[in-house]
PDB file of N, CA and C in Angstrom:
ATOM      1  N   MET A   1     125.656 -92.541 -37.081  1.00  0.00           N
ATOM      2  CA  MET A   1     124.718 -92.410 -38.153  1.00  0.00           C
ATOM      3  C   MET A   1     125.198 -93.075 -39.173  1.00  0.00           C
ATOM      4  N   LYS A   2     124.810 -93.404 -40.022  1.00  0.00           N
ATOM      5  CA  LYS A   2     124.975 -93.340 -40.982  1.00  0.00           C
ATOM      6  C   LYS A   2     124.301 -91.784 -42.000  1.00  0.00           C
ATOM      7  N   GLU A   3     124.519 -91.924 -43.174  1.00  0.00           N
ATOM      8  CA  GLU A   3     124.002 -90.885 -43.828  1.00  0.00           C
ATOM      9  C   GLU A   3     122.714 -91.215 -44.398  1.00  0.00           C
ATOM     10  N   GLY A   4     121.875 -90.302 -44.182  1.00  0.00           N
ATOM     11  CA  GLY A   4     120.627 -90.492 -44.567  1.00  0.00           C
ATOM     12  C   GLY A   4     119.445 -91.797 -44.362  1.00  0.00           C
ATOM     13  N   GLN A   5     120.189 -91.948 -43.090  1.00  0.00           N
ATOM     14  CA  GLN A   5     119.312 -93.039 -41.763  1.00  0.00           C
ATOM     15  C   GLN A   5     118.624 -92.028 -40.648  1.00  0.00           C
ATOM     16  N   ASP A   6     118.703 -90.653 -40.681  1.00  0.00           N
ATOM     17  CA  ASP A   6     118.027 -89.821 -39.909  1.00  0.00           C
ATOM     18  C   ASP A   6     116.466 -90.594 -39.923  1.00  0.00           C
ATOM     19  N   TYR A   7     115.985 -91.204 -40.800  1.00  0.00           N
ATOM     20  CA  TYR A   7     114.662 -91.352 -40.338  1.00  0.00           C
ATOM     21  C   TYR A   7     114.334 -92.334 -39.288  1.00  0.00           C
ATOM     22  N   ILE A   8     115.072 -93.553 -39.136  1.00  0.00           N
ATOM     23  CA  ILE A   8     116.003 -94.565 -37.849  1.00  0.00           C
ATOM     24  C   ILE A   8     115.242 -93.467 -36.545  1.00  0.00           C
ATOM     25  N   ARG A   9     116.001 -92.652 -36.058  1.00  0.00           N
ATOM     26  CA  ARG A   9     116.257 -92.341 -35.360  1.00  0.00           C
ATOM     27  C   ARG A   9     114.572 -91.184 -34.702  1.00  0.00           C
ATOM     28  N   ALA A  10     113.735 -91.154 -36.228  1.00  0.00           N
ATOM     29  CA  ALA A  10     112.137 -90.487 -35.776  1.00  0.00           C
ATOM     30  C   ALA A  10     111.723 -91.498 -35.498  1.00  0.00           C
ATOM     31  N   LEU A  11     111.576 -92.597 -36.293  1.00  0.00           N
ATOM     32  CA  LEU A  11     110.956 -93.684 -36.889  1.00  0.00           C
ATOM     33  C   LEU A  11     111.183 -94.710 -34.913  1.00  0.00           C
ATOM     34  N   LYS A  12     112.224 -94.929 -33.961  1.00  0.00           N
ATOM     35  CA  LYS A  12     111.930 -95.386 -32.798  1.00  0.00           C
ATOM     36  C   LYS A  12     110.963 -93.582 -31.478  1.00  0.00           C
ATOM     37  N   TYR A  13     110.894 -93.025 -32.693  1.00  0.00           N
ATOM     38  CA  TYR A  13     110.630 -91.524 -31.404  1.00  0.00           C
ATOM     39  C   TYR A  13     108.787 -91.911 -31.844  1.00  0.00           C
ATOM     40  N   PHE A  14     108.666 -92.151 -32.739  1.00  0.00           N
ATOM     41  CA  PHE A  14     107.125 -92.370 -33.150  1.00  0.00           C
ATOM     42  C   PHE A  14     106.463 -93.760 -32.727  1.00  0.00           C
ATOM     43  N   ILE A  15     107.207 -94.892 -32.462  1.00  0.00           N
ATOM     44  CA  ILE A  15     106.527 -96.000 -32.568  1.00  0.00           C
ATOM     45  C   ILE A  15     107.396 -96.012 -30.617  1.00  0.00           C
ATOM     46  N   ASP A  16     107.170 -95.420 -29.873  1.00  0.00           N
ATOM     47  CA  ASP A  16     107.999 -96.604 -28.592  1.00  0.00           C
ATOM     48  C   ASP A  16     106.272 -96.104 -27.418  1.00  0.00           C
ATOM     49  N   ASP A  17     105.489 -96.000 -27.931  1.00  0.00           N
ATOM     50  CA  ASP A  17     103.753 -96.517 -27.148  1.00  0.00           C
ATOM     51  C   ASP A  17     104.556 -97.331 -26.543  1.00  0.00           C
ATOM     52  N   GLU A  18     102.954 -98.018 -25.813  1.00  0.00           N
ATOM     53  CA  GLU A  18     103.525 -98.964 -25.238  1.00  0.00           C
ATOM     54  C   GLU A  18     102.266-100.367 -26.466  1.00  0.00           C
ATOM     55  N   LEU A  19     101.421 -99.739 -27.394  1.00  0.00           N
ATOM     56  CA  LEU A  19     100.777-100.209 -28.271  1.00  0.00           C
ATOM     57  C   LEU A  19     100.970 -99.421 -29.039  1.00  0.00           C
ATOM     58  N   VAL A  20     100.814-100.025 -30.387  1.00  0.00           N
ATOM     59  CA  VAL A  20     101.185 -99.554 -32.060  1.00  0.00           C
ATOM     60  C   VAL A  20     100.288-100.121 -33.019  1.00  0.00           C
ATOM     61  N   ILE A  21      99.362 -99.537 -33.605  1.00  0.00           N
ATOM     62  CA  ILE A  21      98.734-100.486 -34.603  1.00  0.00           C
ATOM     63  C   ILE A  21      99.270 -99.923 -35.627  1.00  0.00           C
ATOM     64  N   TYR A  22      99.865-100.814 -36.449  1.00  0.00           N
ATOM     65  CA  TYR A  22     100.253-100.529 -38.216  1.00  0.00           C
ATOM     66  C   TYR A  22      99.485-101.604 -39.170  1.00  0.00           C
ATOM     67  N   ASP A  23      98.114-100.718 -39.546  1.00  0.00           N
ATOM     68  CA  ASP A  23      97.380-100.516 -40.563  1.00  0.00           C
ATOM     69  C   ASP A  23      97.840-101.216 -41.776  1.00  0.00           C
ATOM     70  N   ASP A  24      97.486-102.257 -42.457  1.00  0.00           N
ATOM     71  CA  ASP A  24      97.637-102.571 -44.126  1.00  0.00           C
ATOM     72  C   ASP A  24      99.106-102.901 -43.877  1.00  0.00           C
ATOM     73  N   ALA A  25      99.573-103.902 -43.642  1.00  0.00           N
ATOM     74  CA  ALA A  25     101.028-103.380 -43.611  1.00  0.00           C
ATOM     75  C   ALA A  25     100.981-103.765 -45.193  1.00  0.00           C
ATOM     76  N   GLY A  26     101.887-103.417 -45.942  1.00  0.00           N
ATOM     77  CA  GLY A  26     102.182-104.099 -47.396  1.00  0.00           C
ATOM     78  C   GLY A  26     101.774-103.478 -48.819  1.00  0.00           C
ATOM     79  N   SER A  27     100.468-102.836 -48.136  1.00  0.00           N
ATOM     80  CA  SER A  27      99.740-101.906 -49.698  1.00  0.00           C
ATOM     81  C   SER A  27      99.923-101.170 -49.639  1.00  0.00           C
ATOM     82  N   ILE A  28     101.019-100.337 -49.715  1.00  0.00           N
ATOM     83  CA  ILE A  28     101.740 -99.498 -50.590  1.00  0.00           C
ATOM     84  C   ILE A  28     103.019 -99.488 -51.093  1.00  0.00           C
ATOM     85  N   GLY A  29     102.795-101.217 -51.504  1.00  0.00           N
ATOM     86  CA  GLY A  29     104.363-101.556 -52.496  1.00  0.00           C
ATOM     87  C   GLY A  29     105.706-101.542 -52.069  1.00  0.00           C
ATOM     88  N   PHE A  30     106.120-101.691 -53.021  1.00  0.00           N
ATOM     89  CA  PHE A  30     107.718-102.649 -52.310  1.00  0.00           C
ATOM     90  C   PHE A  30     108.836-102.179 -52.956  1.00  0.00           C
ATOM     91  N   THR A  31     109.314-101.151 -51.723  1.00  0.00           N
ATOM     92  CA  THR A  31     110.780-100.818 -52.405  1.00  0.00           C
ATOM     93  C   THR A  31     111.847-101.006 -51.258  1.00  0.00           C
ATOM     94  N   ASP A  32     113.159-101.273 -51.643  1.00  0.00           N
ATOM     95  CA  ASP A  32     114.318-101.417 -50.628  1.00  0.00           C
ATOM     96  C   ASP A  32     113.859-100.486 -48.999  1.00  0.00           C
ATOM     97  N   TRP A  33     113.656 -99.204 -49.384  1.00  0.00           N
ATOM     98  CA  TRP A  33     113.423 -98.400 -48.807  1.00  0.00           C
ATOM     99  C   TRP A  33     112.472 -99.169 -47.806  1.00  0.00           C
ATOM    100  N   ARG A  34     110.684 -99.016 -47.808  1.00  0.00           N
ATOM    101  CA  ARG A  34     109.590 -99.370 -47.681  1.00  0.00           C
ATOM    102  C   ARG A  34     109.997-101.032 -46.339  1.00  0.00           C
ATOM    103  N   ARG A  35     111.217-101.762 -47.352  1.00  0.00           N
ATOM    104  CA  ARG A  35     111.295-103.446 -46.782  1.00  0.00           C
ATOM    105  C   ARG A  35     112.094-102.766 -45.176  1.00  0.00           C
ATOM    106  N   GLU A  36     112.897-102.019 -46.094  1.00  0.00           N
ATOM    107  CA  GLU A  36     113.498-101.568 -44.436  1.00  0.00           C
ATOM    108  C   GLU A  36     112.943-100.520 -43.509  1.00  0.00           C
ATOM    109  N   VAL A  37     112.185-100.039 -43.811  1.00  0.00           N
ATOM    110  CA  VAL A  37     111.802 -99.256 -42.410  1.00  0.00           C
ATOM    111  C   VAL A  37     111.028-100.116 -41.590  1.00  0.00           C
ATOM    112  N   PHE A  38     109.892-101.259 -42.334  1.00  0.00           N
ATOM    113  CA  PHE A  38     109.015-102.118 -41.928  1.00  0.00           C
ATOM    114  C   PHE A  38     109.785-102.761 -41.279  1.00  0.00           C
ATOM    115  N   PHE A  39     111.228-103.268 -41.411  1.00  0.00           N
ATOM    116  CA  PHE A  39     111.496-103.803 -40.681  1.00  0.00           C
ATOM    117  C   PHE A  39     112.425-103.029 -39.397  1.00  0.00           C
ATOM    118  N   GLU A  40     112.762-102.446 -40.180  1.00  0.00           N
ATOM    119  CA  GLU A  40     113.278-101.068 -37.911  1.00  0.00           C
ATOM    120  C   GLU A  40     112.694-101.133 -37.569  1.00  0.00           C
ATOM    121  N   PHE A  41     111.620-101.204 -38.175  1.00  0.00           N
ATOM    122  CA  PHE A  41     109.364-100.464 -37.119  1.00  0.00           C
ATOM    123  C   PHE A  41     109.543-102.343 -36.564  1.00  0.00           C
ATOM    124  N   LEU A  42     109.265-102.880 -36.723  1.00  0.00           N
ATOM    125  CA  LEU A  42     108.614-104.497 -36.474  1.00  0.00           C
ATOM    126  C   LEU A  42     110.344-104.747 -35.393  1.00  0.00           C
ATOM    127  N   ASP A  43     111.968-104.732 -36.078  1.00  0.00           N
ATOM    128  CA  ASP A  43     112.562-105.344 -34.980  1.00  0.00           C
ATOM    129  C   ASP A  43     112.529-103.910 -33.636  1.00  0.00           C
ATOM    130  N   GLU A  44     112.453-102.915 -33.602  1.00  0.00           N
ATOM    131  CA  GLU A  44     112.144-101.867 -32.487  1.00  0.00           C
ATOM    132  C   GLU A  44     111.545-102.704 -31.614  1.00  0.00           C
ATOM    133  N   ARG A  45     110.038-102.969 -31.839  1.00  0.00           N
ATOM    134  CA  ARG A  45     108.724-103.483 -31.667  1.00  0.00           C
ATOM    135  C   ARG A  45     109.423-104.782 -30.765  1.00  0.00           C
ATOM    136  N   TYR A  46     110.043-105.501 -31.374  1.00  0.00           N
ATOM    137  CA  TYR A  46     110.133-106.989 -30.993  1.00  0.00           C
ATOM    138  C   TYR A  46     111.066-106.838 -30.156  1.00  0.00           C
ATOM    139  N   SER A  47     111.570-105.840 -30.196  1.00  0.00           N
ATOM    140  CA  SER A  47     113.093-105.916 -29.450  1.00  0.00           C
ATOM    141  C   SER A  47     112.582-105.490 -27.870  1.00  0.00           C
ATOM    142  N   SER A  48     111.714-104.651 -27.744  1.00  0.00           N
ATOM    143  CA  SER A  48     111.212-103.821 -26.506  1.00  0.00           C
ATOM    144  C   SER A  48     110.131-104.564 -26.161  1.00  0.00           C
ATOM    145  N   MET A  49     110.083-105.937 -26.636  1.00  0.00           N
ATOM    146  CA  MET A  49     108.885-106.581 -26.462  1.00  0.00           C
ATOM    147  C   MET A  49     107.733-105.897 -26.067  1.00  0.00           C
ATOM    148  N   LYS A  50     107.347-104.592 -26.479  1.00  0.00           N
ATOM    149  CA  LYS A  50     106.226-103.903 -26.755  1.00  0.00           C
ATOM    150  C   LYS A  50     104.729-104.371 -27.710  1.00  0.00           C
ATOM    151  N   SER A  51     103.559-104.049 -26.778  1.00  0.00           N
ATOM    152  CA  SER A  51     102.914-104.408 -27.420  1.00  0.00           C
ATOM    153  C   SER A  51     101.744-104.069 -29.248  1.00  0.00           C
ATOM    154  N   THR A  52     102.173-105.094 -30.279  1.00  0.00           N
ATOM    155  CA  THR A  52     102.532-104.167 -31.743  1.00  0.00           C
ATOM    156  C   THR A  52     100.645-105.249 -32.519  1.00  0.00           C
ATOM    157  N   VAL A  53     100.341-103.936 -33.095  1.00  0.00           N
ATOM    158  CA  VAL A  53      98.956-104.932 -33.987  1.00  0.00           C
ATOM    159  C   VAL A  53      99.472-104.226 -35.196  1.00  0.00           C
ATOM    160  N   ILE A  54      99.354-105.400 -36.163  1.00  0.00           N
ATOM    161  CA  ILE A  54      99.740-105.317 -37.638  1.00  0.00           C
ATOM    162  C   ILE A  54      98.658-106.122 -38.972  1.00  0.00           C
ATOM    163  N   THR A  55      97.491-105.707 -39.620  1.00  0.00           N
ATOM    164  CA  THR A  55      97.235-106.001 -39.708  1.00  0.00           C
ATOM    165  C   THR A  55      97.481-106.137 -41.733  1.00  0.00           C
ATOM    166  N   SER A  56      97.116-106.816 -42.194  1.00  0.00           N
ATOM    167  CA  SER A  56      97.975-106.780 -43.897  1.00  0.00           C
ATOM    168  C   SER A  56      96.589-107.859 -44.339  1.00  0.00           C
ATOM    169  N   ASN A  57      96.144-107.874 -45.593  1.00  0.00           N
ATOM    170  CA  ASN A  57      96.004-108.434 -46.922  1.00  0.00           C
ATOM    171  C   ASN A  57      96.926-109.542 -46.942  1.00  0.00           C
ATOM    172  N   LEU A  58      98.615-109.339 -46.909  1.00  0.00           N
ATOM    173  CA  LEU A  58      99.408-110.456 -47.697  1.00  0.00           C
ATOM    174  C   LEU A  58      99.133-111.409 -46.764  1.00  0.00           C
ATOM    175  N   THR A  59      99.219-112.419 -47.953  1.00  0.00           N
ATOM    176  CA  THR A  59      99.722-113.900 -46.613  1.00  0.00           C
ATOM    177  C   THR A  59     101.028-114.047 -46.122  1.00  0.00           C
ATOM    178  N   ARG A  60     101.295-115.113 -45.487  1.00  0.00           N
ATOM    179  CA  ARG A  60     102.278-115.595 -44.783  1.00  0.00           C
ATOM    180  C   ARG A  60     103.179-115.819 -46.184  1.00  0.00           C
ATOM    181  N   LYS A  61     103.109-116.245 -47.438  1.00  0.00           N
ATOM    182  CA  LYS A  61     103.991-116.946 -48.324  1.00  0.00           C
ATOM    183  C   LYS A  61     104.805-115.309 -49.303  1.00  0.00           C
ATOM    184  N   GLU A  62     103.140-114.285 -49.113  1.00  0.00           N
ATOM    185  CA  GLU A  62     103.722-113.085 -49.810  1.00  0.00           C
ATOM    186  C   GLU A  62     104.650-112.192 -48.977  1.00  0.00           C
ATOM    187  N   ILE A  63     104.267-112.786 -47.520  1.00  0.00           N
ATOM    188  CA  ILE A  63     105.447-111.688 -46.914  1.00  0.00           C
ATOM    189  C   ILE A  63     106.761-111.848 -47.044  1.00  0.00           C
ATOM    190  N   ALA A  64     106.941-113.601 -46.686  1.00  0.00           N
ATOM    191  CA  ALA A  64     107.678-113.935 -46.995  1.00  0.00           C
ATOM    192  C   ALA A  64     108.709-113.557 -48.140  1.00  0.00           C
ATOM    193  N   GLU A  65     107.755-113.857 -49.197  1.00  0.00           N
ATOM    194  CA  GLU A  65     108.765-113.348 -51.279  1.00  0.00           C
ATOM    195  C   GLU A  65     108.841-112.246 -50.552  1.00  0.00           C
ATOM    196  N   ASN A  66     108.561-111.347 -50.311  1.00  0.00           N
ATOM    197  CA  ASN A  66     108.210-109.809 -50.861  1.00  0.00           C
ATOM    198  C   ASN A  66     109.275-108.773 -49.290  1.00  0.00           C
ATOM    199  N   PHE A  67     109.704-109.672 -48.147  1.00  0.00           N
ATOM    200  CA  PHE A  67     110.412-109.231 -47.366  1.00  0.00           C
ATOM    201  C   PHE A  67     111.930-109.907 -47.669  1.00  0.00           C
ATOM    202  N   HIS A  68     112.676-109.421 -46.070  1.00  0.00           N
ATOM    203  CA  HIS A  68     113.712-110.788 -45.898  1.00  0.00           C
ATOM    204  C   HIS A  68     113.150-111.414 -44.784  1.00  0.00           C
ATOM    205  N   PRO A  69     114.088-112.259 -45.009  1.00  0.00           N
ATOM    206  CA  PRO A  69     113.734-114.062 -43.572  1.00  0.00           C
ATOM    207  C   PRO A  69     113.603-113.207 -42.097  1.00  0.00           C
ATOM    208  N   ARG A  70     114.146-112.178 -41.668  1.00  0.00           N
ATOM    209  CA  ARG A  70     113.935-111.552 -40.599  1.00  0.00           C
ATOM    210  C   ARG A  70     112.657-111.121 -40.143  1.00  0.00           C
ATOM    211  N   VAL A  71     111.759-110.467 -41.316  1.00  0.00           N
ATOM    212  CA  VAL A  71     110.480-110.032 -40.988  1.00  0.00           C
ATOM    213  C   VAL A  71     109.644-111.385 -40.445  1.00  0.00           C
ATOM    214  N   SER A  72     110.043-112.388 -41.644  1.00  0.00           N
ATOM    215  CA  SER A  72     108.931-113.359 -41.394  1.00  0.00           C
ATOM    216  C   SER A  72     109.115-113.753 -39.504  1.00  0.00           C
ATOM    217  N   SER A  73     110.180-114.062 -39.291  1.00  0.00           N
ATOM    218  CA  SER A  73     110.836-114.339 -38.393  1.00  0.00           C
ATOM    219  C   SER A  73     110.040-114.025 -37.439  1.00  0.00           C
ATOM    220  N   ARG A  74     110.507-112.533 -37.046  1.00  0.00           N
ATOM    221  CA  ARG A  74     109.771-112.052 -36.245  1.00  0.00           C
ATOM    222  C   ARG A  74     108.294-111.993 -35.780  1.00  0.00           C
ATOM    223  N   LEU A  75     108.036-111.465 -37.303  1.00  0.00           N
ATOM    224  CA  LEU A  75     106.377-111.266 -37.397  1.00  0.00           C
ATOM    225  C   LEU A  75     105.589-112.801 -37.111  1.00  0.00           C
ATOM    226  N   PHE A  76     106.337-113.608 -37.161  1.00  0.00           N
ATOM    227  CA  PHE A  76     105.723-114.686 -37.099  1.00  0.00           C
ATOM    228  C   PHE A  76     105.994-116.455 -35.538  1.00  0.00           C
ATOM    229  N   ALA A  77     106.960-115.319 -34.759  1.00  0.00           N
ATOM    230  CA  ALA A  77     107.656-115.770 -33.331  1.00  0.00           C
ATOM    231  C   ALA A  77     106.324-116.650 -33.099  1.00  0.00           C
ATOM    232  N   LYS A  78     107.173-117.672 -32.220  1.00  0.00           N
ATOM    233  CA  LYS A  78     106.074-118.639 -31.501  1.00  0.00           C
ATOM    234  C   LYS A  78     105.240-117.094 -30.541  1.00  0.00           C
ATOM    235  N   GLU A  79     105.996-116.742 -29.550  1.00  0.00           N
ATOM    236  CA  GLU A  79     105.422-115.997 -28.898  1.00  0.00           C
ATOM    237  C   GLU A  79     104.114-115.046 -28.933  1.00  0.00           C
ATOM    238  N   ASN A  80     103.919-114.452 -30.614  1.00  0.00           N
ATOM    239  CA  ASN A  80     103.154-113.880 -31.066  1.00  0.00           C
ATOM    240  C   ASN A  80     101.665-114.422 -31.557  1.00  0.00           C
ATOM    241  N   THR A  81     100.286-113.577 -30.869  1.00  0.00           N
ATOM    242  CA  THR A  81      99.257-114.530 -31.244  1.00  0.00           C
ATOM    243  C   THR A  81      99.010-113.593 -32.915  1.00  0.00           C
ATOM    244  N   ILE A  82      98.389-114.729 -33.783  1.00  0.00           N
ATOM    245  CA  ILE A  82      98.524-114.407 -35.032  1.00  0.00           C
ATOM    246  C   ILE A  82      96.899-114.891 -35.301  1.00  0.00           C
ATOM    247  N   ILE A  83      96.202-114.134 -35.745  1.00  0.00           N
ATOM    248  CA  ILE A  83      94.570-114.538 -35.866  1.00  0.00           C
ATOM    249  C   ILE A  83      94.683-113.860 -37.579  1.00  0.00           C
ATOM    250  N   GLU A  84      94.646-115.224 -38.641  1.00  0.00           N
ATOM    251  CA  GLU A  84      94.318-115.141 -39.986  1.00  0.00           C
ATOM    252  C   GLU A  84      93.035-115.787 -40.172  1.00  0.00           C
ATOM    253  N   VAL A  85      92.424-113.948 -41.181  1.00  0.00           N
ATOM    254  CA  VAL A  85      91.093-114.364 -41.676  1.00  0.00           C
ATOM    255  C   VAL A  85      91.505-115.051 -43.255  1.00  0.00           C
ATOM    256  N   ASP A  86      90.461-115.796 -43.490  1.00  0.00           N
ATOM    257  CA  ASP A  86      90.669-116.114 -45.212  1.00  0.00           C
ATOM    258  C   ASP A  86      89.186-116.073 -45.543  1.00  0.00           C
ATOM    259  N   GLU A  87      89.282-113.844 -46.183  1.00  0.00           N
ATOM    260  CA  GLU A  87      87.602-114.080 -46.578  1.00  0.00           C
ATOM    261  C   GLU A  87      87.875-113.034 -47.517  1.00  0.00           C
ATOM    262  N   MET A  88      87.297-112.598 -48.215  1.00  0.00           N
ATOM    263  CA  MET A  88      87.467-111.738 -49.159  1.00  0.00           C
ATOM    264  C   MET A  88      87.209-109.922 -48.631  1.00  0.00           C
ATOM    265  N   ASP A  89      88.097-109.835 -49.105  1.00  0.00           N
ATOM    266  CA  ASP A  89      87.922-108.078 -48.640  1.00  0.00           C
ATOM    267  C   ASP A  89      86.522-107.692 -49.012  1.00  0.00           C
ATOM    268  N   ARG A  90      85.796-107.079 -47.593  1.00  0.00           N
ATOM    269  CA  ARG A  90      84.363-106.477 -47.231  1.00  0.00           C
ATOM    270  C   ARG A  90      84.205-105.407 -48.408  1.00  0.00           C
ATOM    271  N   ARG A  91      85.259-104.454 -48.651  1.00  0.00           N
ATOM    272  CA  ARG A  91      85.220-103.381 -49.355  1.00  0.00           C
ATOM    273  C   ARG A  91      85.170-103.688 -50.955  1.00  0.00           C
ATOM    274  N   GLN A  92      85.345-104.847 -51.501  1.00  0.00           N
ATOM    275  CA  GLN A  92      84.654-105.169 -52.366  1.00  0.00           C
ATOM    276  C   GLN A  92      83.829-106.453 -52.390  1.00  0.00           C
ATOM    277  N   LEU A  93      83.346-106.257 -51.645  1.00  0.00           N
ATOM    278  CA  LEU A  93      81.828-107.187 -51.863  1.00  0.00           C
ATOM    279  C   LEU A  93      80.661-106.435 -52.444  1.00  0.00           C
TER     280      LEU A  93
END
């Protein structure tokens, strides 16, 4: 394991349940490390074919602009169920 990547082992431990809910993806900003962790999370869940619910206020375009194409590929794969809601944040009403 590369130095500084111990978090990947810990991440796999925390996300190995049959269902994981990741709320508000992308809400805390984008650093290279956060992008990497999100990809590792998504890749692990996708590869293991385990159910994952992800919420975000990001559009498909914003996801494509802020993450590696592999993230969009896994998020928007044809076998996934995507529900897009185009409405104002209820907290802002």
